[in-house]
N, C-alpha and C. Protein backbone atom coordinates (compact mmCIF):
# COMPACT_ATOMS: atom_id res chain seq x y z
N MET A 1 1.25 23.15 -4.04
CA MET A 1 1.43 24.47 -4.61
C MET A 1 2.64 24.43 -5.54
N ARG A 2 2.47 24.93 -6.72
CA ARG A 2 3.55 24.99 -7.70
C ARG A 2 3.62 26.39 -8.30
N ILE A 3 4.77 26.74 -8.81
CA ILE A 3 4.94 28.03 -9.48
C ILE A 3 4.23 27.95 -10.83
N SER A 4 3.29 28.86 -11.05
CA SER A 4 2.56 28.84 -12.32
C SER A 4 3.20 29.77 -13.35
N GLU A 5 3.96 30.75 -12.86
CA GLU A 5 4.68 31.64 -13.78
C GLU A 5 5.88 32.21 -13.04
N HIS A 6 7.04 32.17 -13.68
CA HIS A 6 8.29 32.64 -13.10
C HIS A 6 8.70 33.92 -13.82
N PRO A 7 9.20 34.94 -13.10
CA PRO A 7 9.55 36.20 -13.76
C PRO A 7 10.67 36.09 -14.80
N ILE A 8 11.53 35.11 -14.67
CA ILE A 8 12.63 34.93 -15.63
C ILE A 8 12.38 33.75 -16.56
N LEU A 9 11.94 32.62 -15.99
CA LEU A 9 11.75 31.40 -16.78
C LEU A 9 10.41 31.34 -17.50
N GLY A 10 9.49 32.21 -17.14
CA GLY A 10 8.20 32.23 -17.81
C GLY A 10 7.25 31.18 -17.27
N ILE A 11 6.37 30.68 -18.13
CA ILE A 11 5.38 29.68 -17.75
C ILE A 11 5.98 28.30 -17.99
N PRO A 12 5.97 27.44 -16.97
CA PRO A 12 6.56 26.10 -17.16
C PRO A 12 5.76 25.27 -18.17
N GLU A 13 6.46 24.37 -18.86
CA GLU A 13 5.78 23.50 -19.82
C GLU A 13 4.83 22.56 -19.08
N GLN A 14 3.77 22.18 -19.74
CA GLN A 14 2.80 21.27 -19.14
C GLN A 14 3.41 19.87 -19.07
N LYS A 15 3.23 19.22 -17.93
CA LYS A 15 3.74 17.86 -17.75
C LYS A 15 2.58 16.94 -17.42
N LYS A 16 2.76 15.67 -17.73
CA LYS A 16 1.75 14.66 -17.47
C LYS A 16 1.65 14.39 -15.97
N GLU A 17 0.43 14.32 -15.45
CA GLU A 17 0.23 13.99 -14.04
C GLU A 17 0.30 12.47 -13.88
N VAL A 18 1.07 12.02 -12.88
CA VAL A 18 1.22 10.59 -12.62
C VAL A 18 0.96 10.31 -11.14
N GLU A 19 0.66 9.06 -10.84
CA GLU A 19 0.46 8.64 -9.46
C GLU A 19 1.69 7.88 -8.97
N PHE A 20 2.00 8.08 -7.67
CA PHE A 20 3.06 7.34 -7.01
C PHE A 20 2.63 7.15 -5.56
N THR A 21 3.34 6.31 -4.83
CA THR A 21 2.96 6.12 -3.44
C THR A 21 3.99 6.74 -2.52
N TYR A 22 3.47 7.31 -1.44
CA TYR A 22 4.30 7.88 -0.38
C TYR A 22 3.85 7.23 0.92
N ASP A 23 4.72 6.43 1.50
CA ASP A 23 4.41 5.69 2.73
C ASP A 23 3.07 4.96 2.63
N GLY A 24 2.80 4.39 1.46
CA GLY A 24 1.60 3.59 1.25
C GLY A 24 0.39 4.35 0.74
N SER A 25 0.43 5.67 0.74
CA SER A 25 -0.69 6.47 0.23
C SER A 25 -0.43 6.91 -1.21
N VAL A 26 -1.46 6.90 -2.02
CA VAL A 26 -1.31 7.32 -3.41
C VAL A 26 -1.33 8.85 -3.49
N ILE A 27 -0.34 9.40 -4.17
CA ILE A 27 -0.20 10.84 -4.37
C ILE A 27 0.01 11.09 -5.85
N LYS A 28 -0.37 12.27 -6.30
CA LYS A 28 -0.14 12.64 -7.70
C LYS A 28 0.97 13.68 -7.78
N GLY A 29 1.74 13.58 -8.84
CA GLY A 29 2.80 14.54 -9.11
C GLY A 29 2.96 14.69 -10.60
N LEU A 30 3.89 15.53 -11.01
CA LEU A 30 4.13 15.76 -12.43
C LEU A 30 5.33 14.94 -12.88
N GLU A 31 5.12 14.16 -13.92
CA GLU A 31 6.18 13.28 -14.43
C GLU A 31 7.43 14.09 -14.75
N GLY A 32 8.57 13.61 -14.24
CA GLY A 32 9.85 14.25 -14.53
C GLY A 32 10.26 15.32 -13.53
N GLU A 33 9.33 15.80 -12.73
CA GLU A 33 9.72 16.79 -11.72
C GLU A 33 10.46 16.05 -10.60
N PRO A 34 11.29 16.75 -9.83
CA PRO A 34 11.96 16.06 -8.73
C PRO A 34 10.94 15.47 -7.75
N VAL A 35 11.24 14.30 -7.22
CA VAL A 35 10.36 13.66 -6.25
C VAL A 35 10.09 14.63 -5.10
N ALA A 36 11.11 15.33 -4.63
CA ALA A 36 10.95 16.28 -3.53
C ALA A 36 9.94 17.38 -3.86
N ALA A 37 9.92 17.83 -5.11
CA ALA A 37 8.97 18.87 -5.52
C ALA A 37 7.54 18.33 -5.50
N ALA A 38 7.36 17.10 -5.95
CA ALA A 38 6.03 16.49 -5.93
C ALA A 38 5.54 16.32 -4.50
N LEU A 39 6.44 15.91 -3.60
CA LEU A 39 6.07 15.75 -2.20
C LEU A 39 5.73 17.10 -1.58
N LYS A 40 6.53 18.11 -1.86
CA LYS A 40 6.29 19.47 -1.33
C LYS A 40 4.93 19.98 -1.80
N ALA A 41 4.62 19.76 -3.08
CA ALA A 41 3.33 20.20 -3.62
C ALA A 41 2.16 19.49 -2.94
N ALA A 42 2.42 18.28 -2.44
CA ALA A 42 1.39 17.49 -1.74
C ALA A 42 1.38 17.78 -0.23
N GLY A 43 2.25 18.68 0.21
CA GLY A 43 2.27 19.05 1.62
C GLY A 43 3.21 18.25 2.50
N VAL A 44 4.03 17.39 1.89
CA VAL A 44 4.97 16.57 2.66
C VAL A 44 6.28 17.35 2.82
N THR A 45 6.69 17.58 4.05
CA THR A 45 7.92 18.33 4.29
C THR A 45 9.01 17.51 4.99
N ILE A 46 8.65 16.37 5.58
CA ILE A 46 9.64 15.53 6.26
C ILE A 46 9.96 14.33 5.36
N HIS A 47 11.23 14.18 5.04
CA HIS A 47 11.68 13.09 4.17
C HIS A 47 12.38 11.98 4.94
N ARG A 48 13.03 12.33 6.03
CA ARG A 48 13.76 11.32 6.79
C ARG A 48 13.89 11.78 8.23
N TYR A 49 14.32 10.83 9.07
CA TYR A 49 14.67 11.10 10.46
C TYR A 49 16.10 10.65 10.67
N THR A 50 16.90 11.46 11.36
CA THR A 50 18.30 11.13 11.56
C THR A 50 18.45 9.92 12.48
N ALA A 51 19.55 9.21 12.32
CA ALA A 51 19.80 7.97 13.07
C ALA A 51 20.03 8.24 14.55
N LYS A 52 20.82 9.23 14.88
CA LYS A 52 21.22 9.44 16.28
C LYS A 52 20.14 10.13 17.11
N HIS A 53 19.60 11.23 16.62
CA HIS A 53 18.65 12.02 17.42
C HIS A 53 17.21 11.93 16.92
N HIS A 54 16.99 11.20 15.85
CA HIS A 54 15.65 11.04 15.28
C HIS A 54 15.03 12.40 14.91
N SER A 55 15.88 13.32 14.46
CA SER A 55 15.42 14.65 14.06
C SER A 55 14.87 14.61 12.64
N PRO A 56 13.76 15.29 12.39
CA PRO A 56 13.20 15.30 11.04
C PRO A 56 14.03 16.16 10.09
N ARG A 57 14.12 15.72 8.86
CA ARG A 57 14.83 16.46 7.82
C ARG A 57 13.98 16.48 6.56
N GLY A 58 14.18 17.52 5.75
CA GLY A 58 13.45 17.67 4.49
C GLY A 58 14.35 18.33 3.47
N ILE A 59 13.78 19.12 2.59
CA ILE A 59 14.56 19.80 1.56
C ILE A 59 15.45 20.86 2.21
N PHE A 60 16.72 20.85 1.88
CA PHE A 60 17.64 21.88 2.39
C PHE A 60 18.32 22.59 1.22
N CYS A 61 19.20 21.91 0.51
CA CYS A 61 19.93 22.58 -0.57
C CYS A 61 19.18 22.50 -1.90
N ALA A 62 18.46 21.41 -2.11
CA ALA A 62 17.67 21.19 -3.33
C ALA A 62 18.50 21.10 -4.60
N ILE A 63 19.80 20.81 -4.47
CA ILE A 63 20.64 20.63 -5.65
C ILE A 63 21.48 19.35 -5.58
N GLY A 64 21.15 18.47 -4.64
CA GLY A 64 21.83 17.18 -4.55
C GLY A 64 23.16 17.17 -3.83
N ARG A 65 23.50 18.24 -3.12
CA ARG A 65 24.79 18.30 -2.44
C ARG A 65 24.74 17.80 -1.00
N CYS A 66 23.60 17.97 -0.33
CA CYS A 66 23.49 17.50 1.05
C CYS A 66 22.71 16.19 1.06
N THR A 67 22.37 15.69 2.22
CA THR A 67 21.60 14.44 2.28
C THR A 67 20.30 14.60 3.07
N ASP A 68 19.85 15.82 3.25
CA ASP A 68 18.64 16.02 4.05
C ASP A 68 17.38 15.46 3.39
N CYS A 69 17.33 15.39 2.08
CA CYS A 69 16.11 14.94 1.40
C CYS A 69 16.13 13.46 1.03
N VAL A 70 17.12 12.69 1.53
CA VAL A 70 17.19 11.29 1.13
C VAL A 70 15.99 10.50 1.66
N MET A 71 15.53 9.58 0.83
CA MET A 71 14.40 8.73 1.16
C MET A 71 14.64 7.35 0.57
N VAL A 72 13.77 6.43 0.91
CA VAL A 72 13.81 5.09 0.32
C VAL A 72 12.92 5.14 -0.91
N VAL A 73 13.52 4.98 -2.09
CA VAL A 73 12.77 5.05 -3.35
C VAL A 73 12.87 3.69 -4.05
N ASP A 74 11.73 3.09 -4.29
CA ASP A 74 11.66 1.77 -4.91
C ASP A 74 12.59 0.77 -4.21
N GLY A 75 12.60 0.83 -2.88
CA GLY A 75 13.37 -0.11 -2.07
C GLY A 75 14.82 0.25 -1.85
N MET A 76 15.30 1.32 -2.48
CA MET A 76 16.71 1.71 -2.35
C MET A 76 16.82 2.91 -1.39
N PRO A 77 17.58 2.75 -0.29
CA PRO A 77 17.73 3.86 0.65
C PRO A 77 18.71 4.91 0.13
N ASN A 78 18.69 6.06 0.78
CA ASN A 78 19.65 7.14 0.54
C ASN A 78 19.55 7.76 -0.85
N VAL A 79 18.34 7.81 -1.41
CA VAL A 79 18.14 8.42 -2.71
C VAL A 79 17.86 9.91 -2.50
N ARG A 80 18.64 10.75 -3.16
CA ARG A 80 18.45 12.21 -3.05
C ARG A 80 17.22 12.59 -3.89
N THR A 81 16.12 12.86 -3.21
CA THR A 81 14.86 13.10 -3.92
C THR A 81 14.80 14.46 -4.61
N CYS A 82 15.68 15.36 -4.26
CA CYS A 82 15.66 16.69 -4.90
C CYS A 82 16.17 16.64 -6.33
N VAL A 83 16.91 15.58 -6.70
CA VAL A 83 17.44 15.47 -8.05
C VAL A 83 17.00 14.18 -8.75
N THR A 84 16.05 13.48 -8.15
CA THR A 84 15.53 12.24 -8.73
C THR A 84 14.21 12.52 -9.42
N PRO A 85 14.12 12.31 -10.74
CA PRO A 85 12.88 12.58 -11.47
C PRO A 85 11.77 11.60 -11.08
N LEU A 86 10.58 12.13 -10.94
CA LEU A 86 9.41 11.33 -10.60
C LEU A 86 8.94 10.53 -11.81
N THR A 87 8.64 9.26 -11.58
CA THR A 87 8.04 8.42 -12.62
C THR A 87 6.78 7.78 -12.05
N ALA A 88 5.89 7.40 -12.92
CA ALA A 88 4.63 6.77 -12.51
C ALA A 88 4.91 5.49 -11.73
N GLY A 89 4.18 5.30 -10.65
CA GLY A 89 4.28 4.07 -9.88
C GLY A 89 5.42 3.99 -8.89
N MET A 90 6.21 5.03 -8.75
CA MET A 90 7.32 5.01 -7.79
C MET A 90 6.80 4.75 -6.39
N ASP A 91 7.58 4.03 -5.60
CA ASP A 91 7.27 3.77 -4.20
C ASP A 91 8.26 4.57 -3.37
N VAL A 92 7.79 5.64 -2.74
CA VAL A 92 8.63 6.55 -1.97
C VAL A 92 8.27 6.40 -0.49
N ARG A 93 9.29 6.21 0.33
CA ARG A 93 9.03 6.01 1.77
C ARG A 93 9.96 6.87 2.61
N THR A 94 9.45 7.31 3.76
CA THR A 94 10.25 8.04 4.73
C THR A 94 11.42 7.16 5.15
N GLN A 95 12.59 7.76 5.27
CA GLN A 95 13.77 7.00 5.69
C GLN A 95 14.04 7.26 7.16
N TYR A 96 14.33 6.18 7.89
CA TYR A 96 14.65 6.25 9.30
C TYR A 96 16.09 5.82 9.48
N GLY A 97 16.97 6.72 9.85
CA GLY A 97 18.38 6.41 9.95
C GLY A 97 19.00 6.33 8.57
N VAL A 98 19.79 5.28 8.34
CA VAL A 98 20.53 5.21 7.07
C VAL A 98 20.19 3.99 6.23
N SER A 99 19.13 3.26 6.60
CA SER A 99 18.81 2.07 5.81
C SER A 99 17.32 1.93 5.59
N VAL A 100 16.93 0.84 4.99
CA VAL A 100 15.54 0.56 4.68
C VAL A 100 14.79 0.08 5.92
N LYS A 101 15.47 -0.64 6.79
CA LYS A 101 14.81 -1.30 7.92
C LYS A 101 14.59 -0.35 9.09
N ARG A 102 13.43 -0.50 9.73
CA ARG A 102 13.13 0.25 10.94
C ARG A 102 13.72 -0.48 12.14
N ARG A 103 14.18 0.26 13.10
CA ARG A 103 14.73 -0.32 14.32
C ARG A 103 13.60 -0.75 15.25
N GLU A 104 13.75 -1.87 15.88
CA GLU A 104 12.74 -2.41 16.79
C GLU A 104 12.59 -1.51 18.02
N GLY A 105 11.34 -1.30 18.42
CA GLY A 105 11.08 -0.69 19.73
C GLY A 105 10.90 0.80 19.79
N ASP A 106 11.64 1.59 19.01
CA ASP A 106 11.53 3.04 19.20
C ASP A 106 10.67 3.73 18.15
N GLY A 107 10.25 2.99 17.13
CA GLY A 107 9.39 3.59 16.11
C GLY A 107 10.10 4.48 15.12
N TYR A 108 11.43 4.57 15.20
CA TYR A 108 12.14 5.44 14.28
C TYR A 108 12.85 4.71 13.18
N GLY A 109 13.74 3.80 13.45
CA GLY A 109 14.39 3.09 12.36
C GLY A 109 15.79 2.63 12.64
N ALA A 110 16.44 2.21 11.59
CA ALA A 110 17.77 1.61 11.69
C ALA A 110 18.86 2.64 11.94
N ILE A 111 19.97 2.16 12.40
CA ILE A 111 21.14 3.01 12.60
C ILE A 111 22.13 2.74 11.48
């Protein structure tokens, strides 16, 4: 779901639709929009799980000030997806803890 018309900003400019992967599945988004927005439009609300309590996190501030939306993007952990523009072919993955590697045994990830 995307905003088709805003009362102040008007109708958004048309953007090219591109494909990217999210945890191995191909998803479509609009080129240049924040990765978090493309994921939200596709119904994805969980971006990471915390290291200590394995609590799910997603979009919170949406302006790059917090770290709730960080994900592993093209192999790099801790990328703030709310301010990272989407490009074709991006590989976006749920982040577990604070690194790329998953922790053995619990199904959640690294500390």
